[in-house]
Amino acid sequence: MLVWAHGLWGSPNGSKVTAIRESGIEVISPDFNEMELLDRVELLEKTIDIGEVVLAGSSWGGLACALTAQKKPEKLKGLLLLAPALHYPETPNDNPDNLIAPDIPVTIIHSKTDDIVPISASKDYVKRSGNNVKLIEVEDSHVLENSIELIISETKKLLNC
């Protein structure tokens, strides 16, 4: 099962999650519109209580996923972060450098030319987090519209499909 967290301007039925569903993957995708970051994290925590899920998120949704994974790693099989806003200055941590990947497989897909979230945010996260984090750098935009097949492939790897 995949739990999807859309980005700040996304929706629970956006193009990426729709393509993932159409590939045959079962997805739960809460609606985070009009929600602050901490509210998103709280909703994700409740949603993943079913356990043994892959948590995936795009941009601000990726940040919410990374924060949720720190709180409840035992509920997760893996984490997929798409152009995650890990550089966001107002994380609920006292020190954003404490945002480190949990001891589960983490895959990040990020465009080298992202003009909204710099790829350096993902590179810094990888440096802080260690060997369980894989960064895949692509030539695309922030929304990764040309990387859908890669996103689906990496999702299936994390789900062990």
C-alpha atoms as a PDB file:
ATOM      1  CA  MET A   1       0.000   0.000   0.000  1.00  0.00           C
ATOM      2  CA  LEU A   2       1.206   3.482  -0.860  1.00  0.00           C
ATOM      3  CA  VAL A   3       0.256   6.554   1.164  1.00  0.00           C
ATOM      4  CA  TRP A   4       0.620   9.694  -0.971  1.00  0.00           C
ATOM      5  CA  ALA A   5       1.161  13.252   0.274  1.00  0.00           C
ATOM      6  CA  HIS A   6       0.650  15.893  -2.396  1.00  0.00           C
ATOM      7  CA  GLY A   7       2.525  19.165  -2.493  1.00  0.00           C
ATOM      8  CA  LEU A   8       1.450  22.629  -1.480  1.00  0.00           C
ATOM      9  CA  TRP A   9      -0.380  23.335  -4.749  1.00  0.00           C
ATOM     10  CA  GLY A  10      -1.226  19.702  -5.502  1.00  0.00           C
ATOM     11  CA  SER A  11      -4.278  17.593  -4.897  1.00  0.00           C
ATOM     12  CA  PRO A  12      -5.048  14.025  -3.822  1.00  0.00           C
ATOM     13  CA  ASN A  13      -5.921  13.322  -7.473  1.00  0.00           C
ATOM     14  CA  GLY A  14      -3.004  15.048  -9.209  1.00  0.00           C
ATOM     15  CA  SER A  15      -1.177  13.729 -12.261  1.00  0.00           C
ATOM     16  CA  LYS A  16       1.529  11.761 -10.418  1.00  0.00           C
ATOM     17  CA  VAL A  17      -0.775   9.942  -8.015  1.00  0.00           C
ATOM     18  CA  THR A  18      -3.271   9.287 -10.811  1.00  0.00           C
ATOM     19  CA  ALA A  19      -0.530   7.688 -12.927  1.00  0.00           C
ATOM     20  CA  ILE A  20       0.579   5.604  -9.931  1.00  0.00           C
ATOM     21  CA  ARG A  21      -3.000   4.377  -9.405  1.00  0.00           C
ATOM     22  CA  GLU A  22      -3.370   3.602 -13.110  1.00  0.00           C
ATOM     23  CA  SER A  23      -0.235   1.436 -12.883  1.00  0.00           C
ATOM     24  CA  GLY A  24      -2.131  -0.847 -10.491  1.00  0.00           C
ATOM     25  CA  ILE A  25      -0.699   0.347  -7.189  1.00  0.00           C
ATOM     26  CA  GLU A  26      -3.198   0.769  -4.363  1.00  0.00           C
ATOM     27  CA  VAL A  27      -2.967   4.316  -3.014  1.00  0.00           C
ATOM     28  CA  ILE A  28      -4.388   6.238  -0.072  1.00  0.00           C
ATOM     29  CA  SER A  29      -4.139   9.971  -0.784  1.00  0.00           C
ATOM     30  CA  PRO A  30      -5.441  12.341   1.895  1.00  0.00           C
ATOM     31  CA  ASP A  31      -6.476  15.875   0.962  1.00  0.00           C
ATOM     32  CA  PHE A  32      -4.022  18.353   2.515  1.00  0.00           C
ATOM     33  CA  ASN A  33      -5.372  21.515   0.897  1.00  0.00           C
ATOM     34  CA  GLU A  34      -5.567  24.456   3.301  1.00  0.00           C
ATOM     35  CA  MET A  35      -3.535  22.512   5.903  1.00  0.00           C
ATOM     36  CA  GLU A  36      -0.407  23.716   7.666  1.00  0.00           C
ATOM     37  CA  LEU A  37       2.679  21.490   7.769  1.00  0.00           C
ATOM     38  CA  LEU A  38       2.120  20.164  11.309  1.00  0.00           C
ATOM     39  CA  ASP A  39      -1.501  19.302  10.475  1.00  0.00           C
ATOM     40  CA  ARG A  40      -0.317  17.380   7.425  1.00  0.00           C
ATOM     41  CA  VAL A  41       2.164  15.434   9.541  1.00  0.00           C
ATOM     42  CA  GLU A  42      -0.530  14.632  12.103  1.00  0.00           C
ATOM     43  CA  LEU A  43      -2.893  13.357   9.400  1.00  0.00           C
ATOM     44  CA  LEU A  44      -0.119  11.256   7.854  1.00  0.00           C
ATOM     45  CA  GLU A  45       0.692   9.748  11.248  1.00  0.00           C
ATOM     46  CA  LYS A  46      -2.938   8.633  11.610  1.00  0.00           C
ATOM     47  CA  THR A  47      -3.090   7.384   8.014  1.00  0.00           C
ATOM     48  CA  ILE A  48       0.012   5.181   8.258  1.00  0.00           C
ATOM     49  CA  ASP A  49      -1.227   3.489  11.422  1.00  0.00           C
ATOM     50  CA  ILE A  50      -2.381   0.661   9.139  1.00  0.00           C
ATOM     51  CA  GLY A  51       1.346  -0.187   8.971  1.00  0.00           C
ATOM     52  CA  GLU A  52       3.632  -1.706   6.330  1.00  0.00           C
ATOM     53  CA  VAL A  53       3.160   1.127   3.864  1.00  0.00           C
ATOM     54  CA  VAL A  54       5.415   3.107   1.617  1.00  0.00           C
ATOM     55  CA  LEU A  55       5.040   6.797   2.324  1.00  0.00           C
ATOM     56  CA  ALA A  56       5.505   9.038  -0.719  1.00  0.00           C
ATOM     57  CA  GLY A  57       5.303  12.774  -1.118  1.00  0.00           C
ATOM     58  CA  SER A  58       6.066  15.558  -3.519  1.00  0.00           C
ATOM     59  CA  SER A  59       7.637  18.901  -2.584  1.00  0.00           C
ATOM     60  CA  TRP A  60       6.000  20.115   0.645  1.00  0.00           C
ATOM     61  CA  GLY A  61       4.345  16.684   0.854  1.00  0.00           C
ATOM     62  CA  GLY A  62       7.847  15.194   0.768  1.00  0.00           C
ATOM     63  CA  LEU A  63       8.838  17.286   3.760  1.00  0.00           C
ATOM     64  CA  ALA A  64       5.689  16.148   5.595  1.00  0.00           C
ATOM     65  CA  CYS A  65       6.599  12.529   4.771  1.00  0.00           C
ATOM     66  CA  ALA A  66      10.179  12.918   6.020  1.00  0.00           C
ATOM     67  CA  LEU A  67       8.912  14.384   9.302  1.00  0.00           C
ATOM     68  CA  THR A  68       6.274  11.653   9.670  1.00  0.00           C
ATOM     69  CA  ALA A  69       8.842   8.935   8.988  1.00  0.00           C
ATOM     70  CA  GLN A  70      10.968  10.224  11.848  1.00  0.00           C
ATOM     71  CA  LYS A  71       8.050   9.871  14.229  1.00  0.00           C
ATOM     72  CA  LYS A  72       6.753   6.458  13.108  1.00  0.00           C
ATOM     73  CA  PRO A  73       9.427   4.566  11.137  1.00  0.00           C
ATOM     74  CA  GLU A  74       8.124   1.228  12.420  1.00  0.00           C
ATOM     75  CA  LYS A  75       4.990   1.675  10.279  1.00  0.00           C
ATOM     76  CA  LEU A  76       6.926   2.068   7.036  1.00  0.00           C
ATOM     77  CA  LYS A  77       8.448  -0.222   4.401  1.00  0.00           C
ATOM     78  CA  GLY A  78      10.039   2.718   2.655  1.00  0.00           C
ATOM     79  CA  LEU A  79       9.966   6.384   1.827  1.00  0.00           C
ATOM     80  CA  LEU A  80       9.760   7.998  -1.629  1.00  0.00           C
ATOM     81  CA  LEU A  81      10.476  11.722  -1.745  1.00  0.00           C
ATOM     82  CA  LEU A  82       9.925  13.675  -4.965  1.00  0.00           C
ATOM     83  CA  ALA A  83      11.669  17.064  -5.091  1.00  0.00           C
ATOM     84  CA  PRO A  84      11.140  17.274  -1.319  1.00  0.00           C
ATOM     85  CA  ALA A  85      11.166  20.698   0.335  1.00  0.00           C
ATOM     86  CA  LEU A  86      13.739  19.563   2.879  1.00  0.00           C
ATOM     87  CA  HIS A  87      15.250  23.042   2.925  1.00  0.00           C
ATOM     88  CA  TYR A  88      12.037  24.589   4.234  1.00  0.00           C
ATOM     89  CA  PRO A  89      13.082  26.939   7.043  1.00  0.00           C
ATOM     90  CA  GLU A  90      10.149  26.351   9.366  1.00  0.00           C
ATOM     91  CA  THR A  91      10.375  22.665  10.138  1.00  0.00           C
ATOM     92  CA  PRO A  92       8.935  21.698  13.509  1.00  0.00           C
ATOM     93  CA  ASN A  93      12.399  20.659  14.643  1.00  0.00           C
ATOM     94  CA  ASP A  94      14.524  23.039  16.655  1.00  0.00           C
ATOM     95  CA  ASN A  95      17.329  22.276  14.259  1.00  0.00           C
ATOM     96  CA  PRO A  96      16.517  21.372  10.626  1.00  0.00           C
ATOM     97  CA  ASP A  97      19.840  19.497  10.488  1.00  0.00           C
ATOM     98  CA  ASN A  98      18.248  16.909  12.791  1.00  0.00           C
ATOM     99  CA  LEU A  99      15.943  15.897   9.943  1.00  0.00           C
ATOM    100  CA  ILE A 100      17.602  12.573   9.138  1.00  0.00           C
ATOM    101  CA  ALA A 101      16.191   9.597   7.259  1.00  0.00           C
ATOM    102  CA  PRO A 102      14.902   6.779   9.449  1.00  0.00           C
ATOM    103  CA  ASP A 103      16.402   3.295   9.190  1.00  0.00           C
ATOM    104  CA  ILE A 104      14.264   2.307   6.197  1.00  0.00           C
ATOM    105  CA  PRO A 105      14.960   2.488   2.460  1.00  0.00           C
ATOM    106  CA  VAL A 106      14.584   6.039   1.166  1.00  0.00           C
ATOM    107  CA  THR A 107      14.529   7.032  -2.501  1.00  0.00           C
ATOM    108  CA  ILE A 108      14.624  10.656  -3.597  1.00  0.00           C
ATOM    109  CA  ILE A 109      13.926  11.738  -7.172  1.00  0.00           C
ATOM    110  CA  HIS A 110      14.906  15.354  -7.806  1.00  0.00           C
ATOM    111  CA  SER A 111      15.519  17.434 -10.913  1.00  0.00           C
ATOM    112  CA  LYS A 112      18.988  18.914 -11.326  1.00  0.00           C
ATOM    113  CA  THR A 113      17.328  22.062 -12.686  1.00  0.00           C
ATOM    114  CA  ASP A 114      14.472  22.363 -10.159  1.00  0.00           C
ATOM    115  CA  ASP A 115      13.720  26.081  -9.861  1.00  0.00           C
ATOM    116  CA  ILE A 116      11.435  25.764  -6.796  1.00  0.00           C
ATOM    117  CA  VAL A 117      13.314  23.390  -4.475  1.00  0.00           C
ATOM    118  CA  PRO A 118      17.049  23.322  -5.099  1.00  0.00           C
ATOM    119  CA  ILE A 119      18.543  19.862  -5.537  1.00  0.00           C
ATOM    120  CA  SER A 120      21.089  20.853  -2.883  1.00  0.00           C
ATOM    121  CA  ALA A 121      18.321  20.287  -0.290  1.00  0.00           C
ATOM    122  CA  SER A 122      18.165  16.611  -1.266  1.00  0.00           C
ATOM    123  CA  LYS A 123      21.949  16.284  -1.517  1.00  0.00           C
ATOM    124  CA  ASP A 124      22.338  17.711   1.994  1.00  0.00           C
ATOM    125  CA  TYR A 125      19.709  15.264   3.286  1.00  0.00           C
ATOM    126  CA  VAL A 126      21.604  12.353   1.741  1.00  0.00           C
ATOM    127  CA  LYS A 127      24.856  13.504   3.380  1.00  0.00           C
ATOM    128  CA  ARG A 128      23.193  13.715   6.811  1.00  0.00           C
ATOM    129  CA  SER A 129      21.275  10.471   6.474  1.00  0.00           C
ATOM    130  CA  GLY A 130      23.727   7.813   5.402  1.00  0.00           C
ATOM    131  CA  ASN A 131      23.649   4.722   3.236  1.00  0.00           C
ATOM    132  CA  ASN A 132      19.935   3.931   3.216  1.00  0.00           C
ATOM    133  CA  VAL A 133      19.130   6.981   1.041  1.00  0.00           C
ATOM    134  CA  LYS A 134      19.316   6.823  -2.751  1.00  0.00           C
ATOM    135  CA  LEU A 135      19.198  10.071  -4.749  1.00  0.00           C
ATOM    136  CA  ILE A 136      18.190   9.855  -8.393  1.00  0.00           C
ATOM    137  CA  GLU A 137      18.977  13.059 -10.263  1.00  0.00           C
ATOM    138  CA  VAL A 138      16.884  13.719 -13.375  1.00  0.00           C
ATOM    139  CA  GLU A 139      16.552  16.367 -16.076  1.00  0.00           C
ATOM    140  CA  ASP A 140      13.009  17.611 -15.484  1.00  0.00           C
ATOM    141  CA  SER A 141      11.033  20.393 -13.806  1.00  0.00           C
ATOM    142  CA  HIS A 142       9.982  20.646 -10.169  1.00  0.00           C
ATOM    143  CA  VAL A 143       6.751  18.726 -10.825  1.00  0.00           C
ATOM    144  CA  LEU A 144       8.684  15.857 -12.464  1.00  0.00           C
ATOM    145  CA  GLU A 145       6.106  15.458 -15.241  1.00  0.00           C
ATOM    146  CA  ASN A 146       8.657  13.699 -17.472  1.00  0.00           C
ATOM    147  CA  SER A 147       9.694  11.244 -14.752  1.00  0.00           C
ATOM    148  CA  ILE A 148       6.382   9.457 -14.136  1.00  0.00           C
ATOM    149  CA  GLU A 149       7.625   6.047 -15.326  1.00  0.00           C
ATOM    150  CA  LEU A 150      10.680   6.336 -13.081  1.00  0.00           C
ATOM    151  CA  ILE A 151       8.459   7.324 -10.139  1.00  0.00           C
ATOM    152  CA  ILE A 152       6.238   4.280 -10.715  1.00  0.00           C
ATOM    153  CA  SER A 153       9.264   1.984 -11.071  1.00  0.00           C
ATOM    154  CA  GLU A 154      10.861   3.240  -7.850  1.00  0.00           C
ATOM    155  CA  THR A 155       7.521   2.997  -6.028  1.00  0.00           C
ATOM    156  CA  LYS A 156       7.210  -0.652  -7.055  1.00  0.00           C
ATOM    157  CA  LYS A 157      10.763  -1.354  -5.846  1.00  0.00           C
ATOM    158  CA  LEU A 158       9.954   0.087  -2.423  1.00  0.00           C
ATOM    159  CA  LEU A 159       6.690  -1.857  -2.292  1.00  0.00           C
ATOM    160  CA  ASN A 160       8.511  -5.018  -3.485  1.00  0.00           C
ATOM    161  CA  CYS A 161       5.967  -5.470  -6.278  1.00  0.00           C
END
